[in-house]
């Protein structure tokens, strides 16, 4: 399997190292195709193509802040692990409570995700909920044309707005 996501993330971090020095990212080992098919069966639809590809390399990308004492405190997850995505979907989306199929959240509590279309996530554009609204069904803001662009922008920003 190509390590396309690792290359993208590594290049971005190397070029922007001074901007993200107070934060650490952690990547879990990717899921199997069998795990993805099982999750998709549970969801009743396929995951967006880029998200599926990323999850096969990393089952989640989590952001930590480093305290002065060297302690790591998780502050966000740019990408949740596969079963957290499924769990969120059932708690929010199935009941018609969200316009977004969320896959992660920021330090501020913004949910990142794909727009829903007839109960299924649409490929490509990434949107976020406004952290000042009570749910992802409130104000949503366009973030990127696709997941690759979203991750690159988010890494450069250093915080997952």
C-alpha atoms as a PDB file:
ATOM      1  CA  UNK A   1       0.000   0.000   0.000  1.00  0.00           C
ATOM      2  CA  UNK A   2       1.276   3.474  -0.868  1.00  0.00           C
ATOM      3  CA  UNK A   3       1.953   5.761   2.103  1.00  0.00           C
ATOM      4  CA  UNK A   4       0.471   8.818   0.363  1.00  0.00           C
ATOM      5  CA  UNK A   5      -1.056  10.295   3.527  1.00  0.00           C
ATOM      6  CA  UNK A   6       2.164   9.903   5.531  1.00  0.00           C
ATOM      7  CA  UNK A   7       4.105  11.695   2.786  1.00  0.00           C
ATOM      8  CA  UNK A   8       1.571  14.572   2.660  1.00  0.00           C
ATOM      9  CA  UNK A   9       1.553  15.016   6.449  1.00  0.00           C
ATOM     10  CA  UNK A  10       5.336  14.688   6.814  1.00  0.00           C
ATOM     11  CA  UNK A  11       6.055  17.263   4.105  1.00  0.00           C
ATOM     12  CA  UNK A  12       3.603  19.747   5.583  1.00  0.00           C
ATOM     13  CA  UNK A  13       4.946  19.349   9.116  1.00  0.00           C
ATOM     14  CA  UNK A  14       8.564  19.694   7.956  1.00  0.00           C
ATOM     15  CA  UNK A  15       7.815  22.895   6.043  1.00  0.00           C
ATOM     16  CA  UNK A  16       5.830  24.437   8.901  1.00  0.00           C
ATOM     17  CA  UNK A  17       7.696  23.053  11.934  1.00  0.00           C
ATOM     18  CA  UNK A  18       8.009  26.415  13.697  1.00  0.00           C
ATOM     19  CA  UNK A  19       4.245  26.933  13.583  1.00  0.00           C
ATOM     20  CA  UNK A  20       3.257  23.675  15.258  1.00  0.00           C
ATOM     21  CA  UNK A  21       5.970  23.275  17.881  1.00  0.00           C
ATOM     22  CA  UNK A  22       3.574  23.454  20.876  1.00  0.00           C
ATOM     23  CA  UNK A  23       1.514  20.590  19.502  1.00  0.00           C
ATOM     24  CA  UNK A  24       2.072  16.927  18.849  1.00  0.00           C
ATOM     25  CA  UNK A  25       0.172  14.718  16.471  1.00  0.00           C
ATOM     26  CA  UNK A  26      -0.413  11.018  16.999  1.00  0.00           C
ATOM     27  CA  UNK A  27      -1.373   8.566  14.293  1.00  0.00           C
ATOM     28  CA  UNK A  28      -2.881   5.171  15.061  1.00  0.00           C
ATOM     29  CA  UNK A  29      -2.187   2.178  12.822  1.00  0.00           C
ATOM     30  CA  UNK A  30      -4.607   1.967   9.905  1.00  0.00           C
ATOM     31  CA  UNK A  31      -7.648  -0.271   9.708  1.00  0.00           C
ATOM     32  CA  UNK A  32      -8.102  -3.220   7.366  1.00  0.00           C
ATOM     33  CA  UNK A  33     -10.350  -3.348   4.339  1.00  0.00           C
ATOM     34  CA  UNK A  34     -12.450  -5.869   6.288  1.00  0.00           C
ATOM     35  CA  UNK A  35     -12.926  -3.319   9.118  1.00  0.00           C
ATOM     36  CA  UNK A  36     -13.956  -0.660   6.606  1.00  0.00           C
ATOM     37  CA  UNK A  37     -16.466  -2.947   4.882  1.00  0.00           C
ATOM     38  CA  UNK A  38     -17.948  -3.904   8.273  1.00  0.00           C
ATOM     39  CA  UNK A  39     -18.271  -0.225   9.267  1.00  0.00           C
ATOM     40  CA  UNK A  40     -19.805   0.675   5.905  1.00  0.00           C
ATOM     41  CA  UNK A  41     -22.312  -2.137   6.271  1.00  0.00           C
ATOM     42  CA  UNK A  42     -23.222  -0.775   9.715  1.00  0.00           C
ATOM     43  CA  UNK A  43     -23.536   2.756   8.283  1.00  0.00           C
ATOM     44  CA  UNK A  44     -25.531   1.595   5.278  1.00  0.00           C
ATOM     45  CA  UNK A  45     -23.282   3.453   2.820  1.00  0.00           C
ATOM     46  CA  UNK A  46     -19.686   3.729   1.685  1.00  0.00           C
ATOM     47  CA  UNK A  47     -17.346   6.187   3.357  1.00  0.00           C
ATOM     48  CA  UNK A  48     -16.022   9.011   1.177  1.00  0.00           C
ATOM     49  CA  UNK A  49     -13.097   7.779  -0.934  1.00  0.00           C
ATOM     50  CA  UNK A  50     -10.355   9.957   0.598  1.00  0.00           C
ATOM     51  CA  UNK A  51     -11.495   9.270   4.162  1.00  0.00           C
ATOM     52  CA  UNK A  52     -11.505   5.547   3.434  1.00  0.00           C
ATOM     53  CA  UNK A  53      -7.963   5.785   2.028  1.00  0.00           C
ATOM     54  CA  UNK A  54      -6.686   7.781   5.001  1.00  0.00           C
ATOM     55  CA  UNK A  55      -8.226   5.389   7.556  1.00  0.00           C
ATOM     56  CA  UNK A  56      -6.380   2.496   5.918  1.00  0.00           C
ATOM     57  CA  UNK A  57      -3.110   4.289   6.739  1.00  0.00           C
ATOM     58  CA  UNK A  58      -4.068   5.936  10.042  1.00  0.00           C
ATOM     59  CA  UNK A  59      -7.003   4.979  12.235  1.00  0.00           C
ATOM     60  CA  UNK A  60      -7.255   8.494  13.582  1.00  0.00           C
ATOM     61  CA  UNK A  61      -5.062  11.583  13.775  1.00  0.00           C
ATOM     62  CA  UNK A  62      -5.140  13.152  17.214  1.00  0.00           C
ATOM     63  CA  UNK A  63      -3.751  16.488  18.365  1.00  0.00           C
ATOM     64  CA  UNK A  64      -2.116  17.000  21.742  1.00  0.00           C
ATOM     65  CA  UNK A  65      -0.775  20.083  23.433  1.00  0.00           C
ATOM     66  CA  UNK A  66       2.430  19.719  25.405  1.00  0.00           C
ATOM     67  CA  UNK A  67       2.468  21.349  28.844  1.00  0.00           C
ATOM     68  CA  UNK A  68       5.518  23.002  30.368  1.00  0.00           C
ATOM     69  CA  UNK A  69       5.998  19.767  32.353  1.00  0.00           C
ATOM     70  CA  UNK A  70       6.058  17.720  29.154  1.00  0.00           C
ATOM     71  CA  UNK A  71       2.606  16.188  29.654  1.00  0.00           C
ATOM     72  CA  UNK A  72       0.457  15.442  26.610  1.00  0.00           C
ATOM     73  CA  UNK A  73      -3.179  16.561  26.776  1.00  0.00           C
ATOM     74  CA  UNK A  74      -5.471  15.610  23.888  1.00  0.00           C
ATOM     75  CA  UNK A  75      -7.176  18.721  22.555  1.00  0.00           C
ATOM     76  CA  UNK A  76      -8.669  17.538  19.291  1.00  0.00           C
ATOM     77  CA  UNK A  77      -8.864  14.844  16.657  1.00  0.00           C
ATOM     78  CA  UNK A  78      -8.529  15.959  13.072  1.00  0.00           C
ATOM     79  CA  UNK A  79      -9.674  12.421  12.197  1.00  0.00           C
ATOM     80  CA  UNK A  80     -11.488  10.200  14.704  1.00  0.00           C
ATOM     81  CA  UNK A  81     -10.863   6.472  14.670  1.00  0.00           C
ATOM     82  CA  UNK A  82     -13.232   4.442  12.489  1.00  0.00           C
ATOM     83  CA  UNK A  83     -15.598   3.288  15.219  1.00  0.00           C
ATOM     84  CA  UNK A  84     -15.852   6.792  16.709  1.00  0.00           C
ATOM     85  CA  UNK A  85     -16.958   7.999  13.264  1.00  0.00           C
ATOM     86  CA  UNK A  86     -19.595   5.245  13.127  1.00  0.00           C
ATOM     87  CA  UNK A  87     -20.737   5.971  16.693  1.00  0.00           C
ATOM     88  CA  UNK A  88     -21.039   9.717  16.014  1.00  0.00           C
ATOM     89  CA  UNK A  89     -22.995   9.020  12.847  1.00  0.00           C
ATOM     90  CA  UNK A  90     -25.570   6.980  14.749  1.00  0.00           C
ATOM     91  CA  UNK A  91     -25.869   9.453  17.607  1.00  0.00           C
ATOM     92  CA  UNK A  92     -26.273  12.526  15.380  1.00  0.00           C
ATOM     93  CA  UNK A  93     -26.886  11.853  11.704  1.00  0.00           C
ATOM     94  CA  UNK A  94     -29.355   8.963  11.716  1.00  0.00           C
ATOM     95  CA  UNK A  95     -31.841  10.938  13.737  1.00  0.00           C
ATOM     96  CA  UNK A  96     -31.658  13.734  11.162  1.00  0.00           C
ATOM     97  CA  UNK A  97     -29.876  16.034  13.580  1.00  0.00           C
ATOM     98  CA  UNK A  98     -26.946  16.936  11.361  1.00  0.00           C
ATOM     99  CA  UNK A  99     -26.166  18.279   7.909  1.00  0.00           C
ATOM    100  CA  UNK A 100     -22.623  16.903   8.283  1.00  0.00           C
ATOM    101  CA  UNK A 101     -21.101  13.440   8.327  1.00  0.00           C
ATOM    102  CA  UNK A 102     -18.408  14.320  10.861  1.00  0.00           C
ATOM    103  CA  UNK A 103     -15.022  12.627  11.066  1.00  0.00           C
ATOM    104  CA  UNK A 104     -13.201  14.812  13.610  1.00  0.00           C
ATOM    105  CA  UNK A 105     -13.262  17.894  15.820  1.00  0.00           C
ATOM    106  CA  UNK A 106     -11.126  20.865  16.737  1.00  0.00           C
ATOM    107  CA  UNK A 107      -9.784  22.331  19.948  1.00  0.00           C
ATOM    108  CA  UNK A 108     -12.798  24.674  19.904  1.00  0.00           C
ATOM    109  CA  UNK A 109     -15.270  21.814  19.473  1.00  0.00           C
ATOM    110  CA  UNK A 110     -15.941  22.403  15.790  1.00  0.00           C
ATOM    111  CA  UNK A 111     -17.018  19.253  13.984  1.00  0.00           C
ATOM    112  CA  UNK A 112     -15.358  18.575  10.611  1.00  0.00           C
ATOM    113  CA  UNK A 113     -17.166  16.580   7.977  1.00  0.00           C
ATOM    114  CA  UNK A 114     -18.751  15.993   4.622  1.00  0.00           C
ATOM    115  CA  UNK A 115     -22.170  17.350   3.680  1.00  0.00           C
ATOM    116  CA  UNK A 116     -24.954  14.780   3.768  1.00  0.00           C
ATOM    117  CA  UNK A 117     -26.966  14.010   0.632  1.00  0.00           C
ATOM    118  CA  UNK A 118     -30.024  11.768   1.050  1.00  0.00           C
ATOM    119  CA  UNK A 119     -28.560  10.305   4.242  1.00  0.00           C
ATOM    120  CA  UNK A 120     -25.120   9.591   2.752  1.00  0.00           C
ATOM    121  CA  UNK A 121     -21.879  11.554   2.950  1.00  0.00           C
ATOM    122  CA  UNK A 122     -20.872  13.304  -0.274  1.00  0.00           C
ATOM    123  CA  UNK A 123     -17.302  12.962  -1.507  1.00  0.00           C
ATOM    124  CA  UNK A 124     -14.929  15.926  -1.575  1.00  0.00           C
ATOM    125  CA  UNK A 125     -15.777  19.244   0.120  1.00  0.00           C
ATOM    126  CA  UNK A 126     -15.022  19.518   3.820  1.00  0.00           C
ATOM    127  CA  UNK A 127     -17.187  21.685   6.070  1.00  0.00           C
ATOM    128  CA  UNK A 128     -17.152  22.496   9.767  1.00  0.00           C
ATOM    129  CA  UNK A 129     -19.763  23.377  12.318  1.00  0.00           C
ATOM    130  CA  UNK A 130     -19.505  26.740  14.035  1.00  0.00           C
ATOM    131  CA  UNK A 131     -18.372  26.097  17.621  1.00  0.00           C
ATOM    132  CA  UNK A 132     -20.748  28.780  18.892  1.00  0.00           C
ATOM    133  CA  UNK A 133     -23.818  26.840  17.758  1.00  0.00           C
ATOM    134  CA  UNK A 134     -25.150  23.952  19.816  1.00  0.00           C
ATOM    135  CA  UNK A 135     -24.950  21.280  17.130  1.00  0.00           C
ATOM    136  CA  UNK A 136     -23.441  20.565  13.709  1.00  0.00           C
ATOM    137  CA  UNK A 137     -26.907  21.301  12.325  1.00  0.00           C
ATOM    138  CA  UNK A 138     -26.434  25.010  13.014  1.00  0.00           C
ATOM    139  CA  UNK A 139     -24.104  27.272  11.049  1.00  0.00           C
ATOM    140  CA  UNK A 140     -21.710  25.373   8.812  1.00  0.00           C
ATOM    141  CA  UNK A 141     -18.618  26.834   7.192  1.00  0.00           C
ATOM    142  CA  UNK A 142     -16.789  25.645   4.072  1.00  0.00           C
ATOM    143  CA  UNK A 143     -13.189  24.594   4.884  1.00  0.00           C
ATOM    144  CA  UNK A 144     -11.637  22.859   1.872  1.00  0.00           C
ATOM    145  CA  UNK A 145     -12.235  21.337  -1.554  1.00  0.00           C
ATOM    146  CA  UNK A 146     -11.152  17.879  -0.377  1.00  0.00           C
ATOM    147  CA  UNK A 147      -9.630  15.994   2.553  1.00  0.00           C
ATOM    148  CA  UNK A 148      -6.017  16.437   1.371  1.00  0.00           C
ATOM    149  CA  UNK A 149      -6.417  20.210   1.211  1.00  0.00           C
ATOM    150  CA  UNK A 150      -8.189  20.242   4.581  1.00  0.00           C
ATOM    151  CA  UNK A 151      -5.407  18.316   6.326  1.00  0.00           C
ATOM    152  CA  UNK A 152      -2.690  20.478   4.778  1.00  0.00           C
ATOM    153  CA  UNK A 153      -4.456  23.705   5.780  1.00  0.00           C
ATOM    154  CA  UNK A 154      -5.176  22.396   9.272  1.00  0.00           C
ATOM    155  CA  UNK A 155      -1.588  21.325   9.876  1.00  0.00           C
ATOM    156  CA  UNK A 156      -0.330  24.746   8.814  1.00  0.00           C
ATOM    157  CA  UNK A 157      -2.854  26.505  11.057  1.00  0.00           C
ATOM    158  CA  UNK A 158      -1.563  24.411  13.957  1.00  0.00           C
ATOM    159  CA  UNK A 159      -4.977  24.286  15.545  1.00  0.00           C
ATOM    160  CA  UNK A 160      -8.016  22.582  14.080  1.00  0.00           C
ATOM    161  CA  UNK A 161     -10.299  25.639  14.088  1.00  0.00           C
END
